[in-house]
Amino acid sequence: MKNIFTNFSYDVASLTDNIQVRFHCYGATTFDLNWYYIDNFAVTSDTGSSTGRDMTGSTVSTNDIYIPGNTHTMEFSVNIQASDFAYSDSVAITFPTGVTILDAGPDELGFGGEPYGPEPYNGIDGQTISWGTNANDGAGGIYGSLTVWATLSFDDSLSGPLAASYHVSDDWYNTPVDVDGNFSINQLNLTDGDLLGYKIYVDGSSTPHNSMLVEVTSYVAGGLIYGQSFTLCFTAVFYPDYESFQL
């Protein structure tokens, strides 16, 4: 490929922190953008701070609801909507006492390639799940509208809206541009006889194959032996503690 561009540098020491750089390709009526690339481009500052970067507007929320005493796999919307298009290098969600985290994902959150994301899942730390590291190295990969999930067990003593919290870290500077916030996980209001979900039984066993209620009308039965026949039955479970005959 012919290199038609020359190296160019400019001293920006006298400029403010907010620098806009625009590239324009011209001279042809049609072209493939993949023909053009920019190598070794960087804007650096030795001030160590910036008044322009701001993660304000970033939120975490859920529309899923819980039933006390039940286990649910819930989805959470992570919205990184920084006013200056800043990226986040870490997101953490903390659940209240009485909620036990059993699993969470995805394994990676965000976009890009090393070292610019995506950010890895860090696992469960007490009441908190998180992705990424607050490294402040300018290499965050979390931006835009994303979805994470968690399998949560809710103690039967819980009731009403539960307050969960989140922390979104900017990928360059610390507070005040990091964001902390709260959101609610609402309780499903049930009346006597409301459907809670289903239990799956294999070969007439009295112990359900599923460890938590199935809340949808499909189920994958794992751990069965290939080539062997099995009989699967299910029951419907109703509030507060009713279960149908096996079907």
Protein backbone atom coordinates (compact mmCIF):
# COMPACT_ATOMS: atom_id res chain seq x y z
CA MET A 1 0.00 0.00 0.00
CA LYS A 2 1.36 3.42 -0.95
CA ASN A 3 1.78 5.82 1.96
CA ILE A 4 0.54 9.20 0.70
CA PHE A 5 0.67 10.89 4.11
CA THR A 6 3.57 12.48 5.91
CA ASN A 7 4.29 12.71 9.61
CA PHE A 8 2.80 15.73 11.31
CA SER A 9 3.12 17.03 14.86
CA TYR A 10 1.90 20.13 16.64
CA ASP A 11 2.76 21.55 20.05
CA VAL A 12 -0.52 21.91 21.97
CA ALA A 13 1.02 23.19 25.19
CA SER A 14 -0.68 26.58 24.80
CA LEU A 15 -4.14 25.09 24.18
CA THR A 16 -6.86 24.13 26.67
CA ASP A 17 -7.71 20.57 27.72
CA ASN A 18 -10.57 20.35 25.22
CA ILE A 19 -8.89 19.59 21.89
CA GLN A 20 -10.83 18.63 18.77
CA VAL A 21 -8.98 16.93 15.92
CA ARG A 22 -10.70 16.43 12.56
CA PHE A 23 -9.39 14.34 9.66
CA HIS A 24 -10.68 14.79 6.11
CA CYS A 25 -9.96 12.51 3.17
CA TYR A 26 -10.46 14.09 -0.27
CA GLY A 27 -9.37 13.88 -3.87
CA ALA A 28 -11.41 10.83 -4.91
CA THR A 29 -15.06 10.33 -5.73
CA THR A 30 -15.18 6.87 -4.14
CA PHE A 31 -12.95 5.22 -1.60
CA ASP A 32 -12.84 2.48 0.97
CA LEU A 33 -12.29 3.85 4.48
CA ASN A 34 -10.22 0.77 5.26
CA TRP A 35 -7.55 2.19 2.93
CA TYR A 36 -6.85 4.96 5.40
CA TYR A 37 -5.24 4.63 8.76
CA ILE A 38 -3.67 6.88 11.38
CA ASP A 39 -0.63 5.63 13.23
CA ASN A 40 0.92 6.90 16.46
CA PHE A 41 -1.69 9.55 17.15
CA ALA A 42 -1.90 10.89 20.69
CA VAL A 43 -2.92 13.97 22.62
CA THR A 44 -1.14 14.21 25.95
CA SER A 45 -1.20 16.61 28.85
CA ASP A 46 1.13 17.01 31.81
CA THR A 47 -1.45 18.73 34.03
CA GLY A 48 -2.79 15.48 35.54
CA SER A 49 -6.34 16.80 35.65
CA SER A 50 -9.11 17.98 33.40
CA THR A 51 -12.21 20.05 34.00
CA GLY A 52 -13.86 18.68 30.86
CA ARG A 53 -14.15 14.97 31.73
CA ASP A 54 -17.35 13.96 33.46
CA MET A 55 -19.17 10.63 33.93
CA THR A 56 -22.36 12.37 35.10
CA GLY A 57 -25.38 10.69 33.54
CA SER A 58 -24.06 7.13 33.91
CA THR A 59 -26.58 4.81 35.56
CA VAL A 60 -27.31 1.20 36.48
CA SER A 61 -30.92 -0.02 36.68
CA THR A 62 -33.18 -3.06 36.37
CA ASN A 63 -36.79 -3.74 35.44
CA ASP A 64 -36.71 -7.26 36.91
CA ILE A 65 -38.60 -7.99 40.14
CA TYR A 66 -38.01 -10.40 43.00
CA ILE A 67 -40.06 -12.72 45.18
CA PRO A 68 -38.91 -13.14 48.81
CA GLY A 69 -37.50 -16.62 49.38
CA ASN A 70 -36.84 -17.19 45.67
CA THR A 71 -33.81 -17.18 43.37
CA HIS A 72 -33.86 -15.13 40.19
CA THR A 73 -31.51 -14.45 37.31
CA MET A 74 -31.83 -10.72 36.67
CA GLU A 75 -30.56 -8.38 33.99
CA PHE A 76 -29.14 -4.94 34.74
CA SER A 77 -28.78 -2.08 32.28
CA VAL A 78 -25.42 -0.31 32.50
CA ASN A 79 -25.59 3.05 30.74
CA ILE A 80 -22.31 4.95 30.42
CA GLN A 81 -23.47 8.27 28.98
CA ALA A 82 -20.69 10.70 29.79
CA SER A 83 -21.29 14.21 28.49
CA ASP A 84 -17.80 14.35 26.96
CA PHE A 85 -17.75 10.77 25.60
CA ALA A 86 -15.37 9.64 28.32
CA TYR A 87 -14.95 5.89 28.81
CA SER A 88 -15.20 3.94 32.05
CA ASP A 89 -12.55 1.46 33.18
CA SER A 90 -14.63 -0.21 35.91
CA VAL A 91 -18.22 -0.74 37.02
CA ALA A 92 -19.30 -2.23 40.37
CA ILE A 93 -22.78 -3.18 41.62
CA THR A 94 -23.45 -3.79 45.33
CA PHE A 95 -26.54 -5.59 46.62
CA PRO A 96 -28.11 -5.18 50.08
CA THR A 97 -27.91 -7.61 52.99
CA GLY A 98 -30.32 -10.49 52.50
CA VAL A 99 -29.42 -10.88 48.82
CA THR A 100 -26.91 -13.64 48.07
CA ILE A 101 -25.00 -13.47 44.79
CA LEU A 102 -24.70 -16.94 43.24
CA ASP A 103 -23.32 -16.10 39.81
CA ALA A 104 -22.93 -13.16 37.43
CA GLY A 105 -21.67 -12.18 33.99
CA PRO A 106 -20.74 -11.58 31.25
CA ASP A 107 -17.08 -12.54 31.38
CA GLU A 108 -16.17 -9.25 29.69
CA LEU A 109 -17.89 -5.87 29.56
CA GLY A 110 -17.43 -3.18 26.93
CA PHE A 111 -15.58 -2.88 23.66
CA GLY A 112 -12.13 -2.63 22.11
CA GLY A 113 -8.94 -4.63 22.16
CA GLU A 114 -6.00 -4.70 24.53
CA PRO A 115 -5.16 -2.46 26.24
CA TYR A 116 -8.40 -0.56 25.54
CA GLY A 117 -10.96 -3.00 26.90
CA PRO A 118 -13.17 -4.92 27.08
CA GLU A 119 -12.98 -5.06 30.86
CA PRO A 120 -12.90 -8.50 32.57
CA TYR A 121 -15.41 -9.73 35.15
CA ASN A 122 -13.76 -9.74 38.59
CA GLY A 123 -16.06 -12.23 40.30
CA ILE A 124 -18.06 -11.96 43.54
CA ASP A 125 -16.67 -9.98 46.47
CA GLY A 126 -19.15 -10.21 49.34
CA GLN A 127 -22.20 -8.23 48.20
CA THR A 128 -20.47 -6.78 45.13
CA ILE A 129 -19.87 -7.80 41.52
CA SER A 130 -17.57 -5.77 39.29
CA TRP A 131 -15.86 -5.47 35.93
CA GLY A 132 -12.52 -3.82 35.17
CA THR A 133 -9.97 -2.04 37.35
CA ASN A 134 -9.89 1.60 38.41
CA ALA A 135 -6.44 2.02 36.88
CA ASN A 136 -6.87 5.59 35.57
CA ASP A 137 -4.63 4.75 32.62
CA GLY A 138 -6.84 6.15 29.87
CA ALA A 139 -7.51 2.66 28.50
CA GLY A 140 -11.10 2.01 29.60
CA GLY A 141 -13.39 0.06 27.30
CA ILE A 142 -16.83 0.54 28.89
CA TYR A 143 -19.15 2.93 27.08
CA GLY A 144 -22.74 3.15 25.85
CA SER A 145 -25.72 0.94 26.78
CA LEU A 146 -24.67 -2.50 28.03
CA THR A 147 -26.30 -5.41 29.88
CA VAL A 148 -24.97 -7.51 32.75
CA TRP A 149 -26.72 -10.28 34.67
CA ALA A 150 -26.65 -11.85 38.11
CA THR A 151 -28.28 -14.89 39.72
CA LEU A 152 -29.50 -13.72 43.11
CA SER A 153 -31.09 -15.51 46.07
CA PHE A 154 -33.50 -13.32 48.06
CA ASP A 155 -34.03 -14.09 51.74
CA ASP A 156 -37.67 -14.73 52.70
CA SER A 157 -37.46 -11.92 55.28
CA LEU A 158 -37.08 -9.26 52.57
CA SER A 159 -39.96 -7.07 51.46
CA GLY A 160 -40.63 -3.98 49.40
CA PRO A 161 -38.13 -2.16 47.15
CA LEU A 162 -34.48 -3.07 47.81
CA ALA A 163 -31.80 -0.39 47.46
CA ALA A 164 -28.74 -1.47 45.46
CA SER A 165 -25.81 0.80 44.63
CA TYR A 166 -23.27 1.20 41.83
CA HIS A 167 -19.92 2.84 41.15
CA VAL A 168 -18.76 3.93 37.70
CA SER A 169 -15.10 4.89 37.38
CA ASP A 170 -13.78 7.25 34.71
CA ASP A 171 -10.74 5.78 32.96
CA TRP A 172 -8.40 8.70 33.60
CA TYR A 173 -9.06 10.86 36.66
CA ASN A 174 -10.67 10.15 40.03
CA THR A 175 -13.47 11.95 41.87
CA PRO A 176 -15.27 14.23 41.07
CA VAL A 177 -15.73 12.60 37.66
CA ASP A 178 -16.44 9.10 39.02
CA VAL A 179 -20.13 8.44 39.67
CA ASP A 180 -21.88 6.72 42.59
CA GLY A 181 -25.60 6.05 42.57
CA ASN A 182 -28.48 3.89 43.76
CA PHE A 183 -31.32 1.99 42.13
CA SER A 184 -34.22 -0.14 43.34
CA ILE A 185 -35.06 -3.81 42.87
CA ASN A 186 -38.82 -3.99 43.28
CA GLN A 187 -40.81 -6.82 44.85
CA LEU A 188 -43.49 -8.66 42.88
CA ASN A 189 -46.81 -8.11 44.62
CA LEU A 190 -48.44 -11.52 44.90
CA THR A 191 -51.88 -12.75 45.87
CA ASP A 192 -52.95 -16.26 46.85
CA GLY A 193 -52.73 -18.61 43.86
CA ASP A 194 -50.40 -16.53 41.66
CA LEU A 195 -48.06 -18.62 39.52
CA LEU A 196 -44.44 -18.55 40.73
CA GLY A 197 -42.79 -20.93 38.26
CA TYR A 198 -42.13 -24.58 37.52
CA LYS A 199 -40.21 -27.54 38.92
CA ILE A 200 -38.76 -30.25 36.65
CA TYR A 201 -38.52 -33.90 37.73
CA VAL A 202 -36.56 -36.71 36.02
CA ASP A 203 -37.75 -40.34 36.07
CA GLY A 204 -40.25 -39.81 38.89
CA SER A 205 -37.70 -38.46 41.36
CA SER A 206 -39.11 -36.60 44.36
CA THR A 207 -36.26 -34.07 44.11
CA PRO A 208 -36.55 -31.38 41.43
CA HIS A 209 -33.87 -31.39 38.75
CA ASN A 210 -33.77 -27.57 38.76
CA SER A 211 -32.18 -25.90 41.77
CA MET A 212 -34.42 -22.83 41.44
CA LEU A 213 -37.88 -22.28 40.01
CA VAL A 214 -38.02 -22.08 36.22
CA GLU A 215 -39.81 -18.85 35.36
CA VAL A 216 -40.03 -19.44 31.60
CA THR A 217 -41.64 -22.21 29.52
CA SER A 218 -38.39 -23.80 28.34
CA TYR A 219 -35.73 -25.75 30.24
CA VAL A 220 -32.46 -27.51 29.39
CA ALA A 221 -31.90 -30.56 31.58
CA GLY A 222 -28.16 -30.92 32.04
CA GLY A 223 -26.19 -33.83 33.48
CA LEU A 224 -28.13 -36.58 31.70
CA ILE A 225 -26.40 -39.60 30.12
CA TYR A 226 -26.22 -39.57 26.32
CA GLY A 227 -28.07 -42.45 24.64
CA GLN A 228 -30.20 -43.24 27.69
CA SER A 229 -33.96 -42.58 27.81
CA PHE A 230 -35.44 -40.35 30.51
CA THR A 231 -38.93 -39.29 31.51
CA LEU A 232 -39.28 -35.61 32.40
CA CYS A 233 -42.28 -34.24 34.26
CA PHE A 234 -43.04 -30.79 35.59
CA THR A 235 -45.19 -29.19 38.24
CA ALA A 236 -46.51 -25.64 38.55
CA VAL A 237 -45.81 -23.81 41.80
CA PHE A 238 -48.21 -21.17 43.10
CA TYR A 239 -48.03 -18.53 45.84
CA PRO A 240 -47.60 -18.93 48.73
CA ASP A 241 -46.72 -22.66 48.78
CA TYR A 242 -48.89 -24.73 46.42
CA GLU A 243 -47.61 -27.28 43.89
CA SER A 244 -49.59 -29.10 41.21
CA PHE A 245 -49.41 -32.82 40.40
CA GLN A 246 -46.59 -33.92 38.08
CA LEU A 247 -47.50 -33.67 34.40
